[in-house]
Amino acid sequence: MLQSFLQWLAAWPPAVLYLVLALFAALENVFPPLPTDTVVAFGTWLAARGEGSALGAFLGTWVGNVAGAAAMYEVGRRHGTTWMRRKFPRLADEQGEARLRTLYSRYGLAALVLSRFIPGVRALVPPFAGALRVPALSAIAAMALASAVWYGLIAYLAWRAGSNWDAVTRMIARSGRIVTVSAVAVALLAALVWLLHQRRERARS
């Protein structure tokens, strides 16, 4: 099914291609299982080899993703975590919420940026940032930064891939693992530093 969709995507002019990429990137905030990374990579790859550009594909994707994140932030701000868990049980599980609360309480906005790279947590960031009443501009700026880094990486890999589409998919899979592991490692290191600091504070008191 995905292959058929990608073939369909290849038939459209750049303006439509950018719009489709923006839509997929926005919907990823609502339905995480969407193969957004693959679609964005293929769309960028097509744009860079046709009448469009990798930059245009990236900007369309980035704007769409940030707009979707901002919309989910507003949903979370208006309705709170209980409503989120009831309406979106797949998206808003208690374990993910607790993990995000802990990360944010310890590390602030840096936790929002890092969490956008961690599978199982990234889709929770916008609505729960809203539910936790994180200031809107700060939260959206943090999510926009994470989105720019991630989709910028995908666009760059697709642009550099030449004519080998299989190489694109391999590079994205490998880069996704590297980014995820790096984000988790940084979060664990930050948690360790925080725990050591807490122990020292208790020892002094």
C-alpha atoms as a PDB file:
ATOM      1  CA  MET A   1       0.000   0.000   0.000  1.00  0.00           C
ATOM      2  CA  LEU A   2       2.809   2.418   0.900  1.00  0.00           C
ATOM      3  CA  GLN A   3       4.565   1.674  -2.383  1.00  0.00           C
ATOM      4  CA  SER A   4       1.397   2.509  -4.337  1.00  0.00           C
ATOM      5  CA  PHE A   5       1.024   5.758  -2.433  1.00  0.00           C
ATOM      6  CA  LEU A   6       4.632   6.744  -3.153  1.00  0.00           C
ATOM      7  CA  GLN A   7       4.077   6.058  -6.854  1.00  0.00           C
ATOM      8  CA  TRP A   8       0.951   8.230  -6.737  1.00  0.00           C
ATOM      9  CA  LEU A   9       2.933  10.968  -5.001  1.00  0.00           C
ATOM     10  CA  ALA A  10       5.565  10.936  -7.743  1.00  0.00           C
ATOM     11  CA  ALA A  11       2.979  11.985 -10.345  1.00  0.00           C
ATOM     12  CA  TRP A  12       2.163  15.375  -8.778  1.00  0.00           C
ATOM     13  CA  PRO A  13       3.795  18.805  -9.307  1.00  0.00           C
ATOM     14  CA  PRO A  14       5.978  20.310  -6.531  1.00  0.00           C
ATOM     15  CA  ALA A  15       3.231  22.503  -5.014  1.00  0.00           C
ATOM     16  CA  VAL A  16       0.967  19.498  -4.426  1.00  0.00           C
ATOM     17  CA  LEU A  17       3.921  17.460  -3.201  1.00  0.00           C
ATOM     18  CA  TYR A  18       4.786  20.093  -0.586  1.00  0.00           C
ATOM     19  CA  LEU A  19       1.151  20.221   0.536  1.00  0.00           C
ATOM     20  CA  VAL A  20       0.981  16.429   0.949  1.00  0.00           C
ATOM     21  CA  LEU A  21       4.216  16.453   2.962  1.00  0.00           C
ATOM     22  CA  ALA A  22       2.851  19.216   5.202  1.00  0.00           C
ATOM     23  CA  LEU A  23      -0.370  17.251   5.750  1.00  0.00           C
ATOM     24  CA  PHE A  24       1.460  14.045   6.658  1.00  0.00           C
ATOM     25  CA  ALA A  25       3.794  15.896   9.005  1.00  0.00           C
ATOM     26  CA  ALA A  26       0.827  17.574  10.725  1.00  0.00           C
ATOM     27  CA  LEU A  27      -1.139  14.325  11.089  1.00  0.00           C
ATOM     28  CA  GLU A  28       1.855  12.585  12.657  1.00  0.00           C
ATOM     29  CA  ASN A  29       1.034  14.524  15.840  1.00  0.00           C
ATOM     30  CA  VAL A  30      -2.399  12.864  15.936  1.00  0.00           C
ATOM     31  CA  PHE A  31      -1.678   9.414  14.508  1.00  0.00           C
ATOM     32  CA  PRO A  32       1.967   8.432  15.201  1.00  0.00           C
ATOM     33  CA  PRO A  33       1.911   5.120  13.235  1.00  0.00           C
ATOM     34  CA  LEU A  34       1.779   7.073   9.958  1.00  0.00           C
ATOM     35  CA  PRO A  35       4.964   6.358   7.933  1.00  0.00           C
ATOM     36  CA  THR A  36       5.703  10.083   7.835  1.00  0.00           C
ATOM     37  CA  ASP A  37       9.489   9.797   7.778  1.00  0.00           C
ATOM     38  CA  THR A  38       9.406   7.564   4.698  1.00  0.00           C
ATOM     39  CA  VAL A  39       6.893   9.788   2.896  1.00  0.00           C
ATOM     40  CA  VAL A  40       8.892  12.930   3.703  1.00  0.00           C
ATOM     41  CA  ALA A  41      12.140  11.319   2.582  1.00  0.00           C
ATOM     42  CA  PHE A  42      10.613  10.143  -0.683  1.00  0.00           C
ATOM     43  CA  GLY A  43       8.917  13.496  -1.277  1.00  0.00           C
ATOM     44  CA  THR A  44      12.172  15.367  -0.687  1.00  0.00           C
ATOM     45  CA  TRP A  45      14.026  12.927  -2.912  1.00  0.00           C
ATOM     46  CA  LEU A  46      11.468  13.486  -5.683  1.00  0.00           C
ATOM     47  CA  ALA A  47      11.489  17.261  -5.281  1.00  0.00           C
ATOM     48  CA  ALA A  48      15.279  17.441  -5.413  1.00  0.00           C
ATOM     49  CA  ARG A  49      15.292  15.477  -8.691  1.00  0.00           C
ATOM     50  CA  GLY A  50      12.367  17.184 -10.374  1.00  0.00           C
ATOM     51  CA  GLU A  51      11.104  20.724 -10.685  1.00  0.00           C
ATOM     52  CA  GLY A  52      10.956  21.279  -6.934  1.00  0.00           C
ATOM     53  CA  SER A  53      13.660  21.581  -4.294  1.00  0.00           C
ATOM     54  CA  ALA A  54      14.752  19.792  -1.141  1.00  0.00           C
ATOM     55  CA  LEU A  55      14.452  23.106   0.727  1.00  0.00           C
ATOM     56  CA  GLY A  56      10.837  23.536  -0.375  1.00  0.00           C
ATOM     57  CA  ALA A  57      10.017  19.992   0.719  1.00  0.00           C
ATOM     58  CA  PHE A  58      11.705  20.571   4.080  1.00  0.00           C
ATOM     59  CA  LEU A  59       9.895  23.865   4.692  1.00  0.00           C
ATOM     60  CA  GLY A  60       6.522  22.360   3.810  1.00  0.00           C
ATOM     61  CA  THR A  61       7.163  19.437   6.140  1.00  0.00           C
ATOM     62  CA  TRP A  62       8.467  21.611   8.958  1.00  0.00           C
ATOM     63  CA  VAL A  63       5.595  24.112   8.818  1.00  0.00           C
ATOM     64  CA  GLY A  64       3.048  21.282   8.714  1.00  0.00           C
ATOM     65  CA  ASN A  65       4.607  19.468  11.649  1.00  0.00           C
ATOM     66  CA  VAL A  66       4.846  22.594  13.799  1.00  0.00           C
ATOM     67  CA  ALA A  67       1.258  23.566  12.926  1.00  0.00           C
ATOM     68  CA  GLY A  68       0.039  20.093  13.904  1.00  0.00           C
ATOM     69  CA  ALA A  69       2.017  20.223  17.141  1.00  0.00           C
ATOM     70  CA  ALA A  70       0.591  23.672  17.947  1.00  0.00           C
ATOM     71  CA  ALA A  71      -2.948  22.385  17.343  1.00  0.00           C
ATOM     72  CA  MET A  72      -2.402  19.405  19.664  1.00  0.00           C
ATOM     73  CA  TYR A  73      -0.844  21.738  22.252  1.00  0.00           C
ATOM     74  CA  GLU A  74      -4.047  23.790  22.204  1.00  0.00           C
ATOM     75  CA  VAL A  75      -6.181  20.637  22.531  1.00  0.00           C
ATOM     76  CA  GLY A  76      -4.174  19.599  25.587  1.00  0.00           C
ATOM     77  CA  ARG A  77      -4.345  23.089  27.100  1.00  0.00           C
ATOM     78  CA  ARG A  78      -8.110  23.279  26.738  1.00  0.00           C
ATOM     79  CA  HIS A  79      -9.091  19.777  27.813  1.00  0.00           C
ATOM     80  CA  GLY A  80      -6.350  18.447  30.122  1.00  0.00           C
ATOM     81  CA  THR A  81      -4.754  15.032  30.480  1.00  0.00           C
ATOM     82  CA  THR A  82      -7.853  13.101  31.604  1.00  0.00           C
ATOM     83  CA  TRP A  83      -9.740  14.041  28.446  1.00  0.00           C
ATOM     84  CA  MET A  84      -6.687  13.236  26.325  1.00  0.00           C
ATOM     85  CA  ARG A  85      -6.416   9.729  27.755  1.00  0.00           C
ATOM     86  CA  ARG A  86     -10.128   9.110  27.195  1.00  0.00           C
ATOM     87  CA  LYS A  87     -10.277  10.401  23.620  1.00  0.00           C
ATOM     88  CA  PHE A  88      -6.852   9.240  22.434  1.00  0.00           C
ATOM     89  CA  PRO A  89      -6.018   6.071  24.395  1.00  0.00           C
ATOM     90  CA  ARG A  90      -3.321   5.030  21.919  1.00  0.00           C
ATOM     91  CA  LEU A  91      -1.700   8.431  21.979  1.00  0.00           C
ATOM     92  CA  ALA A  92      -2.027   9.307  25.653  1.00  0.00           C
ATOM     93  CA  ASP A  93      -1.153   6.373  27.904  1.00  0.00           C
ATOM     94  CA  GLU A  94      -0.449   6.937  31.607  1.00  0.00           C
ATOM     95  CA  GLN A  95       3.091   5.570  31.436  1.00  0.00           C
ATOM     96  CA  GLY A  96       4.092   7.988  28.680  1.00  0.00           C
ATOM     97  CA  GLU A  97       2.419  10.860  30.522  1.00  0.00           C
ATOM     98  CA  ALA A  98       4.273  10.072  33.756  1.00  0.00           C
ATOM     99  CA  ARG A  99       7.583   9.841  31.893  1.00  0.00           C
ATOM    100  CA  LEU A 100       7.003  13.197  30.215  1.00  0.00           C
ATOM    101  CA  ARG A 101       5.943  14.866  33.476  1.00  0.00           C
ATOM    102  CA  THR A 102       9.100  13.625  35.187  1.00  0.00           C
ATOM    103  CA  LEU A 103      11.355  14.769  32.363  1.00  0.00           C
ATOM    104  CA  TYR A 104       9.763  18.214  32.194  1.00  0.00           C
ATOM    105  CA  SER A 105       9.777  18.762  35.958  1.00  0.00           C
ATOM    106  CA  ARG A 106      13.517  18.048  36.030  1.00  0.00           C
ATOM    107  CA  TYR A 107      14.818  19.529  32.799  1.00  0.00           C
ATOM    108  CA  GLY A 108      12.243  22.018  31.548  1.00  0.00           C
ATOM    109  CA  LEU A 109      12.147  22.872  27.847  1.00  0.00           C
ATOM    110  CA  ALA A 110      15.204  20.745  27.081  1.00  0.00           C
ATOM    111  CA  ALA A 111      13.045  17.724  27.956  1.00  0.00           C
ATOM    112  CA  LEU A 112      10.477  18.740  25.336  1.00  0.00           C
ATOM    113  CA  VAL A 113      13.156  18.949  22.653  1.00  0.00           C
ATOM    114  CA  LEU A 114      14.719  15.589  23.548  1.00  0.00           C
ATOM    115  CA  SER A 115      11.357  13.850  23.958  1.00  0.00           C
ATOM    116  CA  ARG A 116      10.434  14.638  20.354  1.00  0.00           C
ATOM    117  CA  PHE A 117      13.152  12.199  19.274  1.00  0.00           C
ATOM    118  CA  ILE A 118      12.033   9.297  21.491  1.00  0.00           C
ATOM    119  CA  PRO A 119       9.515   6.786  20.047  1.00  0.00           C
ATOM    120  CA  GLY A 120       6.477   6.279  22.261  1.00  0.00           C
ATOM    121  CA  VAL A 121       6.873   9.752  23.764  1.00  0.00           C
ATOM    122  CA  ARG A 122       7.274  12.166  20.843  1.00  0.00           C
ATOM    123  CA  ALA A 123       3.558  12.303  19.982  1.00  0.00           C
ATOM    124  CA  LEU A 124       2.686  12.980  23.627  1.00  0.00           C
ATOM    125  CA  VAL A 125       4.806  16.121  23.825  1.00  0.00           C
ATOM    126  CA  PRO A 126       2.441  18.699  22.230  1.00  0.00           C
ATOM    127  CA  PRO A 127      -0.824  17.807  24.038  1.00  0.00           C
ATOM    128  CA  PHE A 128       0.791  17.263  27.404  1.00  0.00           C
ATOM    129  CA  ALA A 129       2.859  20.432  27.097  1.00  0.00           C
ATOM    130  CA  GLY A 130      -0.494  22.171  26.732  1.00  0.00           C
ATOM    131  CA  ALA A 131      -2.081  20.224  29.590  1.00  0.00           C
ATOM    132  CA  LEU A 132       0.885  21.060  31.843  1.00  0.00           C
ATOM    133  CA  ARG A 133       0.453  24.751  30.938  1.00  0.00           C
ATOM    134  CA  VAL A 134       3.942  25.131  29.513  1.00  0.00           C
ATOM    135  CA  PRO A 135       4.024  28.686  28.044  1.00  0.00           C
ATOM    136  CA  ALA A 136       2.820  28.443  24.440  1.00  0.00           C
ATOM    137  CA  LEU A 137       5.675  30.298  22.744  1.00  0.00           C
ATOM    138  CA  SER A 138       8.313  28.368  24.674  1.00  0.00           C
ATOM    139  CA  ALA A 139       6.688  24.994  24.008  1.00  0.00           C
ATOM    140  CA  ILE A 140       6.144  25.627  20.306  1.00  0.00           C
ATOM    141  CA  ALA A 141       9.690  26.984  19.919  1.00  0.00           C
ATOM    142  CA  ALA A 142      11.096  23.828  21.546  1.00  0.00           C
ATOM    143  CA  MET A 143       9.002  21.564  19.321  1.00  0.00           C
ATOM    144  CA  ALA A 144       9.869  23.616  16.228  1.00  0.00           C
ATOM    145  CA  LEU A 145      13.576  23.208  17.014  1.00  0.00           C
ATOM    146  CA  ALA A 146      13.254  19.432  17.380  1.00  0.00           C
ATOM    147  CA  SER A 147      11.209  19.232  14.176  1.00  0.00           C
ATOM    148  CA  ALA A 148      13.768  21.304  12.261  1.00  0.00           C
ATOM    149  CA  VAL A 149      16.611  19.051  13.390  1.00  0.00           C
ATOM    150  CA  TRP A 150      14.821  15.790  12.604  1.00  0.00           C
ATOM    151  CA  TYR A 151      13.234  16.699   9.275  1.00  0.00           C
ATOM    152  CA  GLY A 152      16.297  18.693   8.291  1.00  0.00           C
ATOM    153  CA  LEU A 153      18.320  15.507   8.722  1.00  0.00           C
ATOM    154  CA  ILE A 154      15.842  13.498   6.638  1.00  0.00           C
ATOM    155  CA  ALA A 155      15.796  16.148   3.891  1.00  0.00           C
ATOM    156  CA  TYR A 156      19.590  16.297   3.824  1.00  0.00           C
ATOM    157  CA  LEU A 157      19.942  12.515   3.549  1.00  0.00           C
ATOM    158  CA  ALA A 158      17.346  12.362   0.784  1.00  0.00           C
ATOM    159  CA  TRP A 159      19.027  15.211  -1.088  1.00  0.00           C
ATOM    160  CA  ARG A 160      22.453  13.551  -0.853  1.00  0.00           C
ATOM    161  CA  ALA A 161      21.238  10.093  -1.852  1.00  0.00           C
ATOM    162  CA  GLY A 162      21.570  10.487  -5.601  1.00  0.00           C
ATOM    163  CA  SER A 163      19.414   8.113  -7.610  1.00  0.00           C
ATOM    164  CA  ASN A 164      19.506   5.261  -5.092  1.00  0.00           C
ATOM    165  CA  TRP A 165      16.182   5.247  -3.228  1.00  0.00           C
ATOM    166  CA  ASP A 166      17.084   2.110  -1.277  1.00  0.00           C
ATOM    167  CA  ALA A 167      20.091   3.965   0.099  1.00  0.00           C
ATOM    168  CA  VAL A 168      17.738   6.683   1.383  1.00  0.00           C
ATOM    169  CA  THR A 169      15.618   4.222   3.360  1.00  0.00           C
ATOM    170  CA  ARG A 170      18.691   2.549   4.846  1.00  0.00           C
ATOM    171  CA  MET A 171      20.246   5.856   5.864  1.00  0.00           C
ATOM    172  CA  ILE A 172      17.016   7.096   7.449  1.00  0.00           C
ATOM    173  CA  ALA A 173      16.552   3.889   9.431  1.00  0.00           C
ATOM    174  CA  ARG A 174      20.148   4.035  10.640  1.00  0.00           C
ATOM    175  CA  SER A 175      19.998   7.760  11.428  1.00  0.00           C
ATOM    176  CA  GLY A 176      16.682   7.306  13.248  1.00  0.00           C
ATOM    177  CA  ARG A 177      18.242   4.704  15.512  1.00  0.00           C
ATOM    178  CA  ILE A 178      21.276   6.905  16.146  1.00  0.00           C
ATOM    179  CA  VAL A 179      19.174   9.974  16.991  1.00  0.00           C
ATOM    180  CA  THR A 180      16.840   7.973  19.242  1.00  0.00           C
ATOM    181  CA  VAL A 181      19.695   6.294  21.108  1.00  0.00           C
ATOM    182  CA  SER A 182      21.470   9.641  21.473  1.00  0.00           C
ATOM    183  CA  ALA A 183      18.343  11.321  22.862  1.00  0.00           C
ATOM    184  CA  VAL A 184      17.768   8.495  25.346  1.00  0.00           C
ATOM    185  CA  ALA A 185      21.436   8.553  26.357  1.00  0.00           C
ATOM    186  CA  VAL A 186      21.344  12.307  26.988  1.00  0.00           C
ATOM    187  CA  ALA A 187      18.139  11.933  29.021  1.00  0.00           C
ATOM    188  CA  LEU A 188      19.674   9.133  31.119  1.00  0.00           C
ATOM    189  CA  LEU A 189      22.864  11.126  31.658  1.00  0.00           C
ATOM    190  CA  ALA A 190      20.836  14.152  32.733  1.00  0.00           C
ATOM    191  CA  ALA A 191      18.844  11.949  35.128  1.00  0.00           C
ATOM    192  CA  LEU A 192      22.075  10.579  36.612  1.00  0.00           C
ATOM    193  CA  VAL A 193      23.487  14.079  37.117  1.00  0.00           C
ATOM    194  CA  TRP A 194      20.233  15.166  38.756  1.00  0.00           C
ATOM    195  CA  LEU A 195      20.227  12.158  41.116  1.00  0.00           C
ATOM    196  CA  LEU A 196      23.841  12.782  42.133  1.00  0.00           C
ATOM    197  CA  HIS A 197      23.027  16.428  42.760  1.00  0.00           C
ATOM    198  CA  GLN A 198      20.033  15.466  44.919  1.00  0.00           C
ATOM    199  CA  ARG A 199      22.172  13.074  46.976  1.00  0.00           C
ATOM    200  CA  ARG A 200      24.781  15.747  47.574  1.00  0.00           C
ATOM    201  CA  GLU A 201      22.114  18.208  48.651  1.00  0.00           C
ATOM    202  CA  ARG A 202      20.661  15.686  51.114  1.00  0.00           C
ATOM    203  CA  ALA A 203      24.128  14.861  52.436  1.00  0.00           C
ATOM    204  CA  ARG A 204      24.846  18.540  53.089  1.00  0.00           C
ATOM    205  CA  SER A 205      21.564  19.028  54.914  1.00  0.00           C
END
